[in-house]
Structures are given as structure tokens and as C-alpha cells.
């Protein structure tokens, strides 16, 4: 199983390989870490992505809309690098 820092580093690596403004799916992160058994990692990947979003490092999106939190969010999300100066540090 991957620890939180390894998940965070994989998110950063995958985003770093994408064009500016591009997104990744949490399942891409899970598959990179555990190709044969990735589904059990999904809740942890989403949790780490939420932590990175709260820190202003990434943005979480659903249907193209930026999410402030994953609380109560169901369904697919995407992860993107945060826009420079795009995080206001407010409550979410």
C-alpha cells in the first residue's frame, strides 16, 4: 500500500507530465501505484488530493467546476495544478 507522501508525489509527477491546465483522474494515480489492485487506493488518493487542494497546491474539479472540498462530493473528480495566485486561503 502506498503512503500519503508517495500518493502526493505521484499526483505531482503525473501533473508535471501534463500540459498546462490539464487534469488527471485519481484513478490514474491509483493505477500508477498499484496497477493490479488500484481500486482500494481510491479513497486514499482522493483524501490526499483534498489535502493538497486545501494547501493550495492543486485544484479539484467536477464537471469543470472547481470544488472547495470533497465533503459530500460523489462521482468522478479531476485534479489540476492550482493556478498561480488562485488559492485564497479561505475556509472550504
Protein backbone atom coordinates (compact mmCIF):
# COMPACT_ATOMS: atom_id res chain seq x y z
CA UNK A 1 0.00 0.00 0.00
CA UNK A 2 1.17 3.50 -0.76
CA UNK A 3 1.61 6.03 2.00
CA UNK A 4 0.27 9.56 1.76
CA UNK A 5 3.57 11.14 0.73
CA UNK A 6 4.02 8.63 -2.07
CA UNK A 7 0.48 9.34 -3.28
CA UNK A 8 1.15 13.10 -3.15
CA UNK A 9 4.40 12.68 -5.06
CA UNK A 10 2.65 10.59 -7.71
CA UNK A 11 -0.02 13.29 -8.12
CA UNK A 12 2.73 15.90 -8.55
CA UNK A 13 4.64 13.73 -11.03
CA UNK A 14 1.62 12.94 -13.19
CA UNK A 15 0.52 16.58 -13.25
CA UNK A 16 4.06 17.64 -14.10
CA UNK A 17 3.90 15.49 -17.23
CA UNK A 18 0.73 17.17 -18.47
CA UNK A 19 0.28 20.34 -20.45
CA UNK A 20 -0.51 23.50 -18.52
CA UNK A 21 -4.13 23.45 -17.40
CA UNK A 22 -4.54 19.71 -17.97
CA UNK A 23 -6.04 17.45 -15.33
CA UNK A 24 -5.59 13.90 -14.12
CA UNK A 25 -8.06 11.40 -12.75
CA UNK A 26 -7.49 9.99 -9.27
CA UNK A 27 -7.64 6.52 -10.83
CA UNK A 28 -4.50 7.35 -12.84
CA UNK A 29 -2.68 7.93 -9.56
CA UNK A 30 -4.00 4.72 -8.04
CA UNK A 31 -3.11 2.73 -11.18
CA UNK A 32 0.42 4.15 -11.19
CA UNK A 33 0.91 3.00 -7.60
CA UNK A 34 -0.85 -0.38 -7.72
CA UNK A 35 -1.58 -1.46 -11.31
CA UNK A 36 -3.01 -4.86 -10.36
CA UNK A 37 -5.10 -3.73 -7.37
CA UNK A 38 -5.70 0.00 -7.69
CA UNK A 39 -9.36 0.33 -6.66
CA UNK A 40 -8.74 0.02 -2.89
CA UNK A 41 -6.41 3.05 -3.13
CA UNK A 42 -9.08 5.38 -4.49
CA UNK A 43 -10.36 6.76 -1.16
CA UNK A 44 -6.79 7.48 -0.03
CA UNK A 45 -5.91 9.14 -3.35
CA UNK A 46 -8.99 11.37 -3.08
CA UNK A 47 -8.12 12.22 0.54
CA UNK A 48 -4.54 13.15 -0.33
CA UNK A 49 -5.78 15.22 -3.28
CA UNK A 50 -8.13 17.05 -0.91
CA UNK A 51 -5.22 17.76 1.44
CA UNK A 52 -3.13 19.12 -1.43
CA UNK A 53 -6.09 21.26 -2.54
CA UNK A 54 -6.52 22.66 0.96
CA UNK A 55 -2.83 23.60 0.86
CA UNK A 56 -3.35 25.39 -2.47
CA UNK A 57 -1.12 23.04 -4.43
CA UNK A 58 -3.83 21.52 -6.62
CA UNK A 59 -7.42 22.18 -7.59
CA UNK A 60 -10.19 19.63 -7.53
CA UNK A 61 -12.82 19.81 -10.25
CA UNK A 62 -16.06 18.12 -11.09
CA UNK A 63 -17.78 18.73 -14.42
CA UNK A 64 -15.31 21.55 -15.00
CA UNK A 65 -16.25 23.39 -11.80
CA UNK A 66 -13.71 23.98 -9.06
CA UNK A 67 -14.52 22.27 -5.78
CA UNK A 68 -13.62 23.82 -2.45
CA UNK A 69 -13.85 20.48 -0.63
CA UNK A 70 -14.72 16.86 -1.31
CA UNK A 71 -17.18 16.77 1.60
CA UNK A 72 -20.36 15.23 0.26
CA UNK A 73 -18.99 15.02 -3.29
CA UNK A 74 -19.79 11.81 -5.12
CA UNK A 75 -18.79 10.77 -8.60
CA UNK A 76 -15.74 11.45 -10.69
CA UNK A 77 -13.39 14.31 -9.97
CA UNK A 78 -10.31 15.64 -11.72
CA UNK A 79 -7.10 17.02 -10.24
CA UNK A 80 -5.23 20.00 -11.72
CA UNK A 81 -2.29 22.09 -10.66
CA UNK A 82 -3.54 25.15 -8.82
CA UNK A 83 -3.47 28.33 -10.84
CA UNK A 84 -0.79 30.73 -9.57
CA UNK A 85 -2.43 33.00 -7.03
CA UNK A 86 -5.66 31.06 -7.39
CA UNK A 87 -5.90 29.91 -3.78
CA UNK A 88 -7.27 32.50 -1.39
CA UNK A 89 -6.63 30.52 1.77
CA UNK A 90 -10.27 30.88 2.80
CA UNK A 91 -12.37 28.26 4.50
CA UNK A 92 -13.72 25.49 2.35
